[in-house]
Amino acid sequence: MQSTASDVSVLLPILIFMVMGIVSLGFLAFWIWMLVDCIKHESDEGNNKLIWVLVIIFTQFLGALIYFFVQRRERLRNASP
């Protein structure tokens, strides 16, 4: 059986939808991971934890990305012996 242009035009939107769903789940998992990491490991000094939690919640993926590259790496670097 030969594939025709109509077969591709039917399958392509389904494939795009599936890929977008997988990527969205990855973003959600990363966001939850950064939120939990912040809640569990961030210090309570001077409302630092509260501010980072609010940044992560209100800016969604961008806030989680900023937390990952700025605060989390700095905290891990300072914790190393």
Protein backbone atom coordinates (compact mmCIF):
# COMPACT_ATOMS: atom_id res chain seq x y z
CA MET A 1 0.00 0.00 0.00
CA GLN A 2 1.36 3.39 -0.93
CA SER A 3 1.33 6.42 1.28
CA THR A 4 -0.42 9.39 -0.19
CA ALA A 5 -0.36 13.08 0.64
CA SER A 6 -3.71 12.76 2.37
CA ASP A 7 -2.30 10.14 4.77
CA VAL A 8 0.49 12.51 5.73
CA SER A 9 -1.91 15.42 6.15
CA VAL A 10 -3.96 13.34 8.59
CA LEU A 11 -1.03 11.97 10.61
CA LEU A 12 1.05 15.14 10.86
CA PRO A 13 -1.34 17.07 13.16
CA ILE A 14 -1.66 14.02 15.40
CA LEU A 15 2.12 13.69 15.62
CA ILE A 16 2.54 17.41 16.35
CA PHE A 17 -0.12 17.20 19.06
CA MET A 18 1.61 14.21 20.68
CA VAL A 19 5.03 15.89 20.63
CA MET A 20 3.59 19.09 22.11
CA GLY A 21 1.93 17.04 24.85
CA ILE A 22 5.16 15.29 25.76
CA VAL A 23 7.09 18.57 25.82
CA SER A 24 4.38 20.18 27.96
CA LEU A 25 4.54 17.31 30.45
CA GLY A 26 8.31 17.75 30.60
CA PHE A 27 7.91 21.47 31.35
CA LEU A 28 5.34 20.69 34.04
CA ALA A 29 7.58 18.07 35.64
CA PHE A 30 10.53 20.51 35.68
CA TRP A 31 8.33 23.24 37.18
CA ILE A 32 7.10 20.93 39.97
CA TRP A 33 10.65 19.70 40.62
CA MET A 34 11.95 23.27 41.06
CA LEU A 35 9.00 24.25 43.27
CA VAL A 36 9.50 21.23 45.54
CA ASP A 37 13.28 21.80 45.59
CA CYS A 38 12.75 25.40 46.63
CA ILE A 39 10.25 24.52 49.36
CA LYS A 40 12.44 21.75 50.80
CA HIS A 41 15.95 23.17 50.52
CA GLU A 42 15.83 26.96 50.39
CA SER A 43 16.75 28.74 53.61
CA ASP A 44 14.17 30.74 55.54
CA GLU A 45 16.50 33.70 56.02
CA GLY A 46 14.84 37.02 55.23
CA ASN A 47 11.85 35.57 53.38
CA ASN A 48 14.15 34.12 50.72
CA LYS A 49 12.09 30.94 50.43
CA LEU A 50 8.78 32.82 50.17
CA ILE A 51 10.08 35.12 47.45
CA TRP A 52 11.45 32.25 45.35
CA VAL A 53 8.24 30.23 45.75
CA LEU A 54 6.19 33.21 44.59
CA VAL A 55 8.54 33.81 41.64
CA ILE A 56 8.26 30.17 40.59
CA ILE A 57 4.48 30.08 40.98
CA PHE A 58 3.66 33.35 39.24
CA THR A 59 6.18 33.18 36.40
CA GLN A 60 5.64 29.46 35.77
CA PHE A 61 8.36 27.81 33.65
CA LEU A 62 10.45 30.97 33.31
CA GLY A 63 10.64 31.37 37.10
CA ALA A 64 11.61 27.72 37.52
CA LEU A 65 14.32 28.14 34.91
CA ILE A 66 15.66 31.26 36.64
CA TYR A 67 15.64 29.46 39.98
CA PHE A 68 17.48 26.48 38.49
CA PHE A 69 20.27 28.52 36.91
CA VAL A 70 20.65 31.21 39.59
CA GLN A 71 19.70 30.10 43.07
CA ARG A 72 19.82 26.30 43.00
CA ARG A 73 23.28 26.07 41.44
CA GLU A 74 24.61 28.71 43.82
CA ARG A 75 23.19 26.82 46.81
CA LEU A 76 24.66 23.52 45.60
CA ARG A 77 28.04 25.14 44.91
CA ASN A 78 28.15 26.62 48.44
CA ALA A 79 27.13 23.27 49.99
CA SER A 80 30.02 21.38 48.35
CA PRO A 81 33.00 20.65 50.62
